């Protein structure tokens, strides 16, 4: 897994499998799953991470949680993200 954190953009990209991009799935306005042409998960894009990240419905939750905590990014489960 390759973790990229852009503080200026307030975004994270986690590359899971280095395969050719196929399509994206939007979980909500801040969380996206990228798939390779072969249908395997390519990566996870997280936007506006400064307010915390909802882990529900994300693949590889344990590893994502570990990576986000390493960078001091708050995590939430079960829709507990405060509303703006």
C-alpha atoms as a PDB file:
ATOM      1  CA  UNK A   1       0.000   0.000   0.000  1.00  0.00           C
ATOM      2  CA  UNK A   2       1.241   3.449  -0.912  1.00  0.00           C
ATOM      3  CA  UNK A   3      -0.129   6.332   1.193  1.00  0.00           C
ATOM      4  CA  UNK A   4      -0.109   9.905  -0.143  1.00  0.00           C
ATOM      5  CA  UNK A   5      -1.286  12.750   2.096  1.00  0.00           C
ATOM      6  CA  UNK A   6      -1.638  16.210   0.587  1.00  0.00           C
ATOM      7  CA  UNK A   7      -2.149  18.670   3.449  1.00  0.00           C
ATOM      8  CA  UNK A   8      -2.766  21.573   1.056  1.00  0.00           C
ATOM      9  CA  UNK A   9      -5.586  19.720  -0.721  1.00  0.00           C
ATOM     10  CA  UNK A  10      -6.714  18.112   2.577  1.00  0.00           C
ATOM     11  CA  UNK A  11      -6.820  14.779   0.759  1.00  0.00           C
ATOM     12  CA  UNK A  12      -5.426  11.266   1.006  1.00  0.00           C
ATOM     13  CA  UNK A  13      -4.875   8.648  -1.682  1.00  0.00           C
ATOM     14  CA  UNK A  14      -4.107   5.075  -0.729  1.00  0.00           C
ATOM     15  CA  UNK A  15      -2.851   2.970  -3.621  1.00  0.00           C
ATOM     16  CA  UNK A  16      -3.757  -0.655  -2.940  1.00  0.00           C
ATOM     17  CA  UNK A  17      -2.847  -2.342  -6.237  1.00  0.00           C
ATOM     18  CA  UNK A  18      -0.765  -0.713  -8.939  1.00  0.00           C
ATOM     19  CA  UNK A  19      -3.043  -1.688 -11.817  1.00  0.00           C
ATOM     20  CA  UNK A  20      -4.410   0.323 -14.721  1.00  0.00           C
ATOM     21  CA  UNK A  21      -7.373   2.519 -13.718  1.00  0.00           C
ATOM     22  CA  UNK A  22     -10.809   1.317 -14.781  1.00  0.00           C
ATOM     23  CA  UNK A  23     -13.516   3.273 -12.933  1.00  0.00           C
ATOM     24  CA  UNK A  24     -14.458   4.890  -9.612  1.00  0.00           C
ATOM     25  CA  UNK A  25     -17.253   4.284  -7.155  1.00  0.00           C
ATOM     26  CA  UNK A  26     -18.478   7.237  -5.095  1.00  0.00           C
ATOM     27  CA  UNK A  27     -19.385   6.198  -1.551  1.00  0.00           C
ATOM     28  CA  UNK A  28     -20.301   9.775  -0.634  1.00  0.00           C
ATOM     29  CA  UNK A  29     -19.022  13.297  -1.344  1.00  0.00           C
ATOM     30  CA  UNK A  30     -15.696  12.641   0.414  1.00  0.00           C
ATOM     31  CA  UNK A  31     -14.888   8.960  -0.212  1.00  0.00           C
ATOM     32  CA  UNK A  32     -14.158   7.205  -3.495  1.00  0.00           C
ATOM     33  CA  UNK A  33     -12.984   3.720  -4.425  1.00  0.00           C
ATOM     34  CA  UNK A  34     -10.975   3.312  -7.635  1.00  0.00           C
ATOM     35  CA  UNK A  35     -11.033  -0.014  -9.454  1.00  0.00           C
ATOM     36  CA  UNK A  36      -8.674  -1.425 -12.020  1.00  0.00           C
ATOM     37  CA  UNK A  37      -9.804  -2.574 -15.439  1.00  0.00           C
ATOM     38  CA  UNK A  38      -9.895  -6.116 -14.063  1.00  0.00           C
ATOM     39  CA  UNK A  39     -12.295  -5.125 -11.238  1.00  0.00           C
ATOM     40  CA  UNK A  40      -9.780  -5.289  -8.373  1.00  0.00           C
ATOM     41  CA  UNK A  41      -9.566  -2.362  -5.991  1.00  0.00           C
ATOM     42  CA  UNK A  42      -6.875   0.024  -7.202  1.00  0.00           C
ATOM     43  CA  UNK A  43      -7.090   2.700  -4.514  1.00  0.00           C
ATOM     44  CA  UNK A  44      -9.046   4.764  -2.016  1.00  0.00           C
ATOM     45  CA  UNK A  45      -9.413   8.545  -2.310  1.00  0.00           C
ATOM     46  CA  UNK A  46     -10.440  10.517   0.776  1.00  0.00           C
ATOM     47  CA  UNK A  47     -11.257  14.232   0.610  1.00  0.00           C
ATOM     48  CA  UNK A  48     -11.510  16.853   3.385  1.00  0.00           C
ATOM     49  CA  UNK A  49      -9.692  14.580   5.836  1.00  0.00           C
ATOM     50  CA  UNK A  50      -9.035  17.422   8.284  1.00  0.00           C
ATOM     51  CA  UNK A  51     -12.527  16.931   9.695  1.00  0.00           C
ATOM     52  CA  UNK A  52     -12.015  13.199  10.117  1.00  0.00           C
ATOM     53  CA  UNK A  53     -12.707  10.147   7.978  1.00  0.00           C
ATOM     54  CA  UNK A  54     -15.661   7.779   8.187  1.00  0.00           C
ATOM     55  CA  UNK A  55     -14.310   4.226   7.929  1.00  0.00           C
ATOM     56  CA  UNK A  56     -17.666   2.518   7.414  1.00  0.00           C
ATOM     57  CA  UNK A  57     -17.962   0.878   3.974  1.00  0.00           C
ATOM     58  CA  UNK A  58     -14.255   1.316   3.200  1.00  0.00           C
ATOM     59  CA  UNK A  59     -12.272  -1.730   2.122  1.00  0.00           C
ATOM     60  CA  UNK A  60      -9.155  -2.633   4.118  1.00  0.00           C
ATOM     61  CA  UNK A  61     -10.521  -0.784   7.163  1.00  0.00           C
ATOM     62  CA  UNK A  62      -7.879  -1.971   9.634  1.00  0.00           C
ATOM     63  CA  UNK A  63      -4.976  -0.898   7.409  1.00  0.00           C
ATOM     64  CA  UNK A  64      -6.659   2.396   6.443  1.00  0.00           C
ATOM     65  CA  UNK A  65      -7.295   3.131  10.129  1.00  0.00           C
ATOM     66  CA  UNK A  66      -3.639   2.452  10.964  1.00  0.00           C
ATOM     67  CA  UNK A  67      -2.377   4.715   8.167  1.00  0.00           C
ATOM     68  CA  UNK A  68      -4.705   7.592   9.042  1.00  0.00           C
ATOM     69  CA  UNK A  69      -3.827   7.416  12.725  1.00  0.00           C
ATOM     70  CA  UNK A  70      -0.129   7.495  11.855  1.00  0.00           C
ATOM     71  CA  UNK A  71      -0.722  10.899  10.236  1.00  0.00           C
ATOM     72  CA  UNK A  72      -2.926  12.176  13.055  1.00  0.00           C
ATOM     73  CA  UNK A  73      -6.136  12.065  11.012  1.00  0.00           C
ATOM     74  CA  UNK A  74      -9.278  11.437  13.074  1.00  0.00           C
ATOM     75  CA  UNK A  75     -11.324   8.385  12.256  1.00  0.00           C
ATOM     76  CA  UNK A  76     -15.003   7.672  12.804  1.00  0.00           C
ATOM     77  CA  UNK A  77     -17.141   4.577  12.626  1.00  0.00           C
ATOM     78  CA  UNK A  78     -20.863   4.083  12.062  1.00  0.00           C
ATOM     79  CA  UNK A  79     -21.673   7.544  10.731  1.00  0.00           C
ATOM     80  CA  UNK A  80     -20.256   9.344  13.763  1.00  0.00           C
ATOM     81  CA  UNK A  81     -18.595  12.107  11.682  1.00  0.00           C
ATOM     82  CA  UNK A  82     -19.808  15.501  12.938  1.00  0.00           C
ATOM     83  CA  UNK A  83     -21.991  17.327  10.417  1.00  0.00           C
ATOM     84  CA  UNK A  84     -20.657  20.615   8.993  1.00  0.00           C
END
